[in-house]
C-alpha atoms as a PDB file:
ATOM      1  CA  MET A   1      44.317 122.022  -0.468  1.00  0.00           C
ATOM      2  CA  THR A   2      43.490 118.547   0.766  1.00  0.00           C
ATOM      3  CA  THR A   3      41.042 117.732   3.501  1.00  0.00           C
ATOM      4  CA  GLY A   4      41.283 114.762   5.834  1.00  0.00           C
ATOM      5  CA  SER A   5      44.312 114.052   7.969  1.00  0.00           C
ATOM      6  CA  HIS A   6      46.124 117.354   8.257  1.00  0.00           C
ATOM      7  CA  GLU A   7      47.386 119.810  10.753  1.00  0.00           C
ATOM      8  CA  PRO A   8      45.317 122.997  11.048  1.00  0.00           C
ATOM      9  CA  GLY A   9      48.419 125.087  11.761  1.00  0.00           C
ATOM     10  CA  VAL A  10      49.999 124.098   8.446  1.00  0.00           C
ATOM     11  CA  GLU A  11      46.838 124.968   6.520  1.00  0.00           C
ATOM     12  CA  ILE A  12      46.535 128.325   8.232  1.00  0.00           C
ATOM     13  CA  ALA A  13      50.090 129.148   7.229  1.00  0.00           C
ATOM     14  CA  SER A  14      49.440 128.043   3.647  1.00  0.00           C
ATOM     15  CA  VAL A  15      46.289 130.193   3.448  1.00  0.00           C
ATOM     16  CA  GLU A  16      48.165 133.206   4.820  1.00  0.00           C
ATOM     17  CA  ASP A  17      51.030 132.707   2.390  1.00  0.00           C
ATOM     18  CA  GLY A  18      48.681 132.018  -0.540  1.00  0.00           C
ATOM     19  CA  ASP A  19      46.993 134.393  -2.933  1.00  0.00           C
ATOM     20  CA  GLY A  20      45.464 136.631  -0.334  1.00  0.00           C
ATOM     21  CA  GLY A  21      43.175 134.051   1.335  1.00  0.00           C
ATOM     22  CA  CYS A  22      40.885 132.601  -1.251  1.00  0.00           C
ATOM     23  CA  PRO A  23      37.345 132.412   0.131  1.00  0.00           C
ATOM     24  CA  SER A  24      36.969 128.745  -0.820  1.00  0.00           C
ATOM     25  CA  GLN A  25      40.157 127.844   1.057  1.00  0.00           C
ATOM     26  CA  ALA A  26      39.034 129.826   4.093  1.00  0.00           C
ATOM     27  CA  ALA A  27      35.604 128.177   3.975  1.00  0.00           C
ATOM     28  CA  ALA A  28      37.206 124.741   3.716  1.00  0.00           C
ATOM     29  CA  LEU A  29      39.520 125.557   6.606  1.00  0.00           C
ATOM     30  CA  LEU A  30      36.632 126.788   8.741  1.00  0.00           C
ATOM     31  CA  ASP A  31      34.688 123.652   7.858  1.00  0.00           C
ATOM     32  CA  ASP A  32      37.659 121.493   8.894  1.00  0.00           C
ATOM     33  CA  LEU A  33      37.996 123.451  12.135  1.00  0.00           C
ATOM     34  CA  ARG A  34      34.284 123.000  12.811  1.00  0.00           C
ATOM     35  CA  HIS A  35      34.595 119.223  12.248  1.00  0.00           C
ATOM     36  CA  ASP A  36      37.628 119.090  14.552  1.00  0.00           C
ATOM     37  CA  LEU A  37      35.744 121.034  17.220  1.00  0.00           C
ATOM     38  CA  GLU A  38      32.725 118.725  16.909  1.00  0.00           C
ATOM     39  CA  ALA A  39      34.997 115.682  17.210  1.00  0.00           C
ATOM     40  CA  GLN A  40      36.623 117.158  20.326  1.00  0.00           C
ATOM     41  CA  GLU A  41      33.216 117.929  21.837  1.00  0.00           C
ATOM     42  CA  ALA A  42      32.044 114.367  21.143  1.00  0.00           C
ATOM     43  CA  ALA A  43      35.198 113.005  22.765  1.00  0.00           C
ATOM     44  CA  ARG A  44      34.659 115.299  25.766  1.00  0.00           C
ATOM     45  CA  ASP A  45      31.045 114.147  26.114  1.00  0.00           C
ATOM     46  CA  THR A  46      32.166 110.516  25.949  1.00  0.00           C
ATOM     47  CA  LEU A  47      34.813 111.116  28.610  1.00  0.00           C
ATOM     48  CA  LEU A  48      32.308 112.901  30.856  1.00  0.00           C
ATOM     49  CA  ALA A  49      29.873 109.986  30.512  1.00  0.00           C
ATOM     50  CA  GLN A  50      32.640 107.516  31.355  1.00  0.00           C
ATOM     51  CA  ALA A  51      33.670 109.617  34.355  1.00  0.00           C
ATOM     52  CA  GLY A  52      30.062 109.585  35.597  1.00  0.00           C
ATOM     53  CA  GLU A  53      29.906 105.806  35.258  1.00  0.00           C
ATOM     54  CA  GLN A  54      33.196 105.482  37.153  1.00  0.00           C
ATOM     55  CA  GLN A  55      31.848 107.693  39.953  1.00  0.00           C
ATOM     56  CA  GLN A  56      28.757 105.474  40.232  1.00  0.00           C
ATOM     57  CA  LEU A  57      30.923 102.348  40.351  1.00  0.00           C
ATOM     58  CA  LEU A  58      33.118 103.962  42.981  1.00  0.00           C
ATOM     59  CA  ALA A  59      30.074 104.785  45.110  1.00  0.00           C
ATOM     60  CA  ILE A  60      28.834 101.195  44.779  1.00  0.00           C
ATOM     61  CA  ASP A  61      32.287  99.924  45.741  1.00  0.00           C
ATOM     62  CA  HIS A  62      32.255 102.107  48.871  1.00  0.00           C
ATOM     63  CA  VAL A  63      28.845 100.737  49.843  1.00  0.00           C
ATOM     64  CA  GLN A  64      29.995  97.157  49.299  1.00  0.00           C
ATOM     65  CA  ALA A  65      33.218  97.788  51.206  1.00  0.00           C
ATOM     66  CA  GLU A  66      31.214  99.152  54.139  1.00  0.00           C
ATOM     67  CA  LYS A  67      28.930  96.098  54.088  1.00  0.00           C
ATOM     68  CA  ILE A  68      31.954  93.778  54.051  1.00  0.00           C
ATOM     69  CA  ARG A  69      33.481  95.699  56.960  1.00  0.00           C
ATOM     70  CA  GLN A  70      30.235  95.378  58.917  1.00  0.00           C
ATOM     71  CA  VAL A  71      30.121  91.618  58.288  1.00  0.00           C
ATOM     72  CA  LEU A  72      33.746  91.182  59.331  1.00  0.00           C
ATOM     73  CA  LEU A  73      33.217  93.212  62.505  1.00  0.00           C
ATOM     74  CA  SER A  74      30.120  91.236  63.467  1.00  0.00           C
ATOM     75  CA  GLU A  75      31.935  87.962  62.790  1.00  0.00           C
ATOM     76  CA  THR A  76      34.875  89.143  64.898  1.00  0.00           C
ATOM     77  CA  ARG A  77      32.546  90.096  67.753  1.00  0.00           C
ATOM     78  CA  ALA A  78      30.729  86.772  67.530  1.00  0.00           C
ATOM     79  CA  THR A  79      34.024  84.887  67.547  1.00  0.00           C
ATOM     80  CA  THR A  80      35.287  86.858  70.538  1.00  0.00           C
ATOM     81  CA  GLN A  81      32.059  86.257  72.458  1.00  0.00           C
ATOM     82  CA  ALA A  82      32.189  82.525  71.688  1.00  0.00           C
ATOM     83  CA  GLN A  83      35.775  82.342  72.927  1.00  0.00           C
ATOM     84  CA  ASN A  84      34.853  84.186  76.138  1.00  0.00           C
ATOM     85  CA  ARG A  85      31.925  81.805  76.750  1.00  0.00           C
ATOM     86  CA  GLN A  86      34.197  78.840  76.187  1.00  0.00           C
ATOM     87  CA  GLN A  87      36.786  80.175  78.655  1.00  0.00           C
ATOM     88  CA  TRP A  88      34.110  80.759  81.344  1.00  0.00           C
ATOM     89  CA  MET A  89      32.686  77.302  80.692  1.00  0.00           C
ATOM     90  CA  PHE A  90      36.094  75.668  81.217  1.00  0.00           C
ATOM     91  CA  PHE A  91      36.604  77.728  84.383  1.00  0.00           C
ATOM     92  CA  ALA A  92      33.209  76.659  85.731  1.00  0.00           C
ATOM     93  CA  LEU A  93      33.865  73.008  84.860  1.00  0.00           C
ATOM     94  CA  GLY A  94      37.243  73.221  86.607  1.00  0.00           C
ATOM     95  CA  VAL A  95      35.638  74.662  89.745  1.00  0.00           C
ATOM     96  CA  LEU A  96      32.785  72.121  89.702  1.00  0.00           C
ATOM     97  CA  THR A  97      35.149  69.159  89.343  1.00  0.00           C
ATOM     98  CA  SER A  98      37.865  70.322  91.733  1.00  0.00           C
ATOM     99  CA  ILE A  99      35.533  70.927  94.708  1.00  0.00           C
ATOM    100  CA  PRO A 100      34.099  67.393  94.853  1.00  0.00           C
ATOM    101  CA  ILE A 101      37.551  65.907  94.313  1.00  0.00           C
ATOM    102  CA  GLY A 102      38.969  68.048  97.120  1.00  0.00           C
ATOM    103  CA  VAL A 103      36.112  67.050  99.455  1.00  0.00           C
ATOM    104  CA  ALA A 104      36.588  63.361  98.561  1.00  0.00           C
ATOM    105  CA  ILE A 105      40.315  63.548  99.285  1.00  0.00           C
ATOM    106  CA  ASN A 106      39.659  65.240 102.649  1.00  0.00           C
ATOM    107  CA  LEU A 107      37.163  62.540 103.594  1.00  0.00           C
ATOM    108  CA  LEU A 108      39.551  59.758 102.642  1.00  0.00           C
ATOM    109  CA  VAL A 109      42.497  61.246 104.519  1.00  0.00           C
ATOM    110  CA  HIS A 110      40.635  61.965 107.764  1.00  0.00           C
END
């Protein structure tokens, strides 16, 4: 029996078909299975750690997205308020210039 890159199912079949399940073959197979299980557990732990890091990054991204939204909303409000002030200013200037002109025209005509 060789150890290394193999398929456990093939080895199990060869042990069952062998000379009644030699204890050294069974021990080697169990050792290989234990190594495979440890490798799978290490891979699982790595994946769980990566998933935790991704969750933290996602939470940070949500916080940053909320901050960006707040900035954009405040900028939009400030822009809207500035436009409203500008419109009222032009209205007031129009009223303040049209009244004296109207009075001057009335005085000149009469």
